[in-house]
């Protein structure tokens, strides 16, 4: 299986009384992420599914990504919390692009590659960063093929 783990684009700060979960992307975040999605398409990234956290900023990022890659978008509450065995079991053997948040995307990559979530700091995701993994979605069962910041994909830093 091929797995692409992506951190959401630039989000607005929370307004007074607004929960962190409701923070939307900024116009700058949207504008900066679109070329990144197109760069992934040009690299022939072809997941069968984009799976997103339900938090607004991640879901809005995934809404930009899914059409660029020509695949459906689904939401999973499991991407709005620390990585779990339930999340891994739900991936199956299909190629998937995940859109989520720090520190959980870092912990997920560490868990899949090194077998230890607590080593997530070894994989610091800036906004819009992409990790490409290959293998079986289990602790230590995947190989890191690429870890790309937006500027590595020919786009500006998010």
Protein backbone atom coordinates (compact mmCIF):
# COMPACT_ATOMS: atom_id res chain seq x y z
CA UNK A 1 0.00 0.00 0.00
CA UNK A 2 1.02 3.60 -0.63
CA UNK A 3 0.16 6.16 2.03
CA UNK A 4 0.54 9.93 1.83
CA UNK A 5 0.28 11.76 5.16
CA UNK A 6 -0.36 15.50 4.79
CA UNK A 7 -0.64 18.30 7.31
CA UNK A 8 -3.37 20.88 6.68
CA UNK A 9 -2.68 24.30 5.13
CA UNK A 10 -2.56 27.64 6.96
CA UNK A 11 -5.53 28.20 9.27
CA UNK A 12 -6.86 31.37 10.84
CA UNK A 13 -6.32 31.93 14.56
CA UNK A 14 -9.35 31.12 16.69
CA UNK A 15 -11.73 34.02 17.18
CA UNK A 16 -12.95 34.81 20.70
CA UNK A 17 -15.34 32.06 21.69
CA UNK A 18 -14.45 29.89 18.69
CA UNK A 19 -13.15 26.39 19.33
CA UNK A 20 -9.87 25.26 17.81
CA UNK A 21 -11.81 22.63 15.84
CA UNK A 22 -13.65 25.35 13.90
CA UNK A 23 -10.65 27.32 12.61
CA UNK A 24 -10.94 27.63 8.81
CA UNK A 25 -8.17 27.96 6.25
CA UNK A 26 -7.06 31.46 5.43
CA UNK A 27 -7.27 32.72 1.84
CA UNK A 28 -3.47 32.52 1.82
CA UNK A 29 -3.64 28.92 2.99
CA UNK A 30 -6.06 27.97 0.21
CA UNK A 31 -4.05 29.82 -2.44
CA UNK A 32 -0.78 28.24 -1.29
CA UNK A 33 -2.17 24.70 -1.06
CA UNK A 34 -3.68 24.53 -4.56
CA UNK A 35 -0.28 24.44 -6.33
CA UNK A 36 0.86 21.79 -3.85
CA UNK A 37 -2.15 19.62 -4.76
CA UNK A 38 -1.34 20.12 -8.45
CA UNK A 39 2.30 19.19 -7.80
CA UNK A 40 1.18 15.92 -6.20
CA UNK A 41 -1.01 15.25 -9.23
CA UNK A 42 1.96 15.92 -11.54
CA UNK A 43 3.97 13.38 -9.51
CA UNK A 44 1.21 10.88 -10.31
CA UNK A 45 0.07 10.53 -6.72
CA UNK A 46 -3.04 8.42 -7.21
CA UNK A 47 -4.72 7.36 -3.97
CA UNK A 48 -8.06 5.60 -4.12
CA UNK A 49 -9.27 7.87 -1.32
CA UNK A 50 -8.50 11.10 0.56
CA UNK A 51 -9.28 10.62 4.24
CA UNK A 52 -9.57 13.77 6.34
CA UNK A 53 -9.89 14.82 9.93
CA UNK A 54 -13.29 16.44 10.54
CA UNK A 55 -11.67 19.59 11.93
CA UNK A 56 -12.48 22.46 9.58
CA UNK A 57 -8.92 23.34 8.50
CA UNK A 58 -8.04 19.74 7.61
CA UNK A 59 -11.34 19.08 5.86
CA UNK A 60 -11.01 22.27 3.80
CA UNK A 61 -7.47 21.22 2.83
CA UNK A 62 -8.75 17.79 1.81
CA UNK A 63 -11.51 19.46 -0.25
CA UNK A 64 -8.75 21.09 -2.30
CA UNK A 65 -6.72 17.88 -2.57
CA UNK A 66 -9.34 15.28 -3.52
CA UNK A 67 -10.49 16.90 -6.81
CA UNK A 68 -6.88 17.56 -7.86
CA UNK A 69 -6.08 13.87 -7.37
CA UNK A 70 -9.39 12.71 -8.83
CA UNK A 71 -10.54 10.64 -5.89
CA UNK A 72 -13.32 10.66 -3.31
CA UNK A 73 -13.08 12.39 0.05
CA UNK A 74 -14.14 10.74 3.30
CA UNK A 75 -13.92 12.00 6.87
CA UNK A 76 -12.69 10.08 9.90
CA UNK A 77 -13.00 11.18 13.52
CA UNK A 78 -9.91 9.00 14.12
CA UNK A 79 -7.73 11.64 12.41
CA UNK A 80 -8.73 14.23 15.04
CA UNK A 81 -7.01 12.28 17.83
CA UNK A 82 -3.76 10.42 18.48
CA UNK A 83 -3.06 7.55 16.04
CA UNK A 84 -4.76 4.30 16.96
CA UNK A 85 -4.95 0.65 15.95
CA UNK A 86 -8.51 1.37 14.83
CA UNK A 87 -7.24 3.97 12.34
CA UNK A 88 -4.67 1.55 10.92
CA UNK A 89 -7.24 -1.25 10.62
CA UNK A 90 -9.56 1.06 8.68
CA UNK A 91 -6.94 1.78 6.03
CA UNK A 92 -6.99 -1.73 4.61
CA UNK A 93 -4.68 -2.30 1.67
CA UNK A 94 -5.84 0.57 -0.56
CA UNK A 95 -3.68 3.58 -1.39
CA UNK A 96 -4.78 6.51 0.78
CA UNK A 97 -3.92 10.19 1.33
CA UNK A 98 -4.56 11.30 4.93
CA UNK A 99 -5.01 14.97 5.89
CA UNK A 100 -4.56 15.75 9.56
CA UNK A 101 -2.90 17.76 12.32
CA UNK A 102 0.21 18.01 14.41
CA UNK A 103 1.32 16.34 16.59
CA UNK A 104 -0.71 13.37 15.37
CA UNK A 105 0.61 13.21 11.80
CA UNK A 106 4.17 13.14 13.16
CA UNK A 107 3.25 10.45 15.66
CA UNK A 108 1.51 8.41 12.94
CA UNK A 109 4.56 8.45 10.67
CA UNK A 110 6.88 7.57 13.56
CA UNK A 111 4.61 4.70 14.56
CA UNK A 112 4.31 3.32 11.04
CA UNK A 113 8.02 3.65 10.19
CA UNK A 114 9.78 3.19 13.55
CA UNK A 115 7.10 1.37 15.53
CA UNK A 116 7.04 4.09 18.23
CA UNK A 117 4.62 7.02 18.38
CA UNK A 118 6.74 8.83 20.96
CA UNK A 119 9.40 9.42 18.28
CA UNK A 120 7.09 11.76 16.38
CA UNK A 121 9.44 14.71 16.89
CA UNK A 122 11.76 13.04 14.35
CA UNK A 123 9.16 13.82 11.68
CA UNK A 124 8.19 17.47 12.16
CA UNK A 125 5.45 18.40 9.70
CA UNK A 126 5.20 22.01 8.66
CA UNK A 127 1.86 23.07 7.19
CA UNK A 128 1.35 21.40 3.82
CA UNK A 129 4.18 18.90 4.31
CA UNK A 130 3.76 15.42 2.81
CA UNK A 131 5.18 12.09 3.92
CA UNK A 132 5.02 9.22 1.42
CA UNK A 133 5.10 5.75 2.95
CA UNK A 134 4.97 2.27 1.45
CA UNK A 135 4.23 -1.07 3.06
CA UNK A 136 1.78 -2.60 5.49
CA UNK A 137 -0.08 -0.11 7.75
CA UNK A 138 1.12 -1.50 11.06
CA UNK A 139 3.63 -0.32 13.68
CA UNK A 140 7.03 -0.48 12.00
CA UNK A 141 5.46 -1.97 8.85
CA UNK A 142 6.04 0.92 6.46
CA UNK A 143 9.05 2.47 4.77
CA UNK A 144 9.42 6.23 4.38
CA UNK A 145 9.85 6.95 0.67
CA UNK A 146 9.81 10.76 0.88
CA UNK A 147 9.28 13.53 3.40
CA UNK A 148 8.57 16.75 1.54
CA UNK A 149 8.08 20.33 2.63
CA UNK A 150 5.93 22.49 0.31
CA UNK A 151 9.03 24.10 -1.21
CA UNK A 152 10.29 20.64 -2.25
CA UNK A 153 7.17 20.39 -4.41
CA UNK A 154 7.87 23.70 -6.10
CA UNK A 155 5.38 25.67 -4.03
CA UNK A 156 5.87 28.35 -1.43
CA UNK A 157 6.18 27.56 2.25
CA UNK A 158 2.74 27.43 3.87
